[in-house]
Amino acid sequence: MPWRDTATKFYEPIRATATSAAEKMLIEVENEYTGSRFRLAIVGCGKIAKRHLIGAAKSDMVEVTALVDKEASRAASLADRLGVQGLISTDLDKVLSEVDGAIIATPNNTHKDIATTCMHQGVPVLIEKPLATTTTDAESICEVAKSTGCTVAVGYTSRFAASVTLM
């Protein structure tokens, strides 16, 4: 089934009640990209990147087209372990024209620079928590999102973990 048909059926109930940034990002993606898989870059190839890759692999609507890490060997190792055929790069700028969205899974102090680079190229981002390490950086990310029209969302991957919900 084509990407748009599947997404439309799946997200129709969400469209009417979308309130979170992540839900709005999904709707933006569904509206903008039709007939092809969503081309995803994962920036930062540490522990959390593996979880994102596993999640992306479960969807027939997503293709991981790039892994970016300051150490190419770490990205290549992750790609080999999980069977990713995408680009391996140490340079984010070289892959942005090849992707529809990016997950930023890098050290917290790098989030602002990476997110703003992506958004200035028209690439929406999901940033692993926290959004930034300072209020100034967080506000800067939000300003760039607003000025570029790109969606920015923050991933709280442990939000529904039993240990967190218990608290």
Foldseek 3Di string as FASTA:
>chain_A
DWPLVVLCVVLVVCVVPPDALVNVQSVVCSVPDTRAAAEEEEEAQDDVVLVVLVVQVVDPRHADAEYEYCDQVSSVVSCVVSVHPHHGYPDPVVCLVVGQAYEYDDPQQCQLVVLLVNLVSVHAYEYEPDNHDDPVSNVSSVVSCVVSVHGYHYDPPCCPPPVNVVD
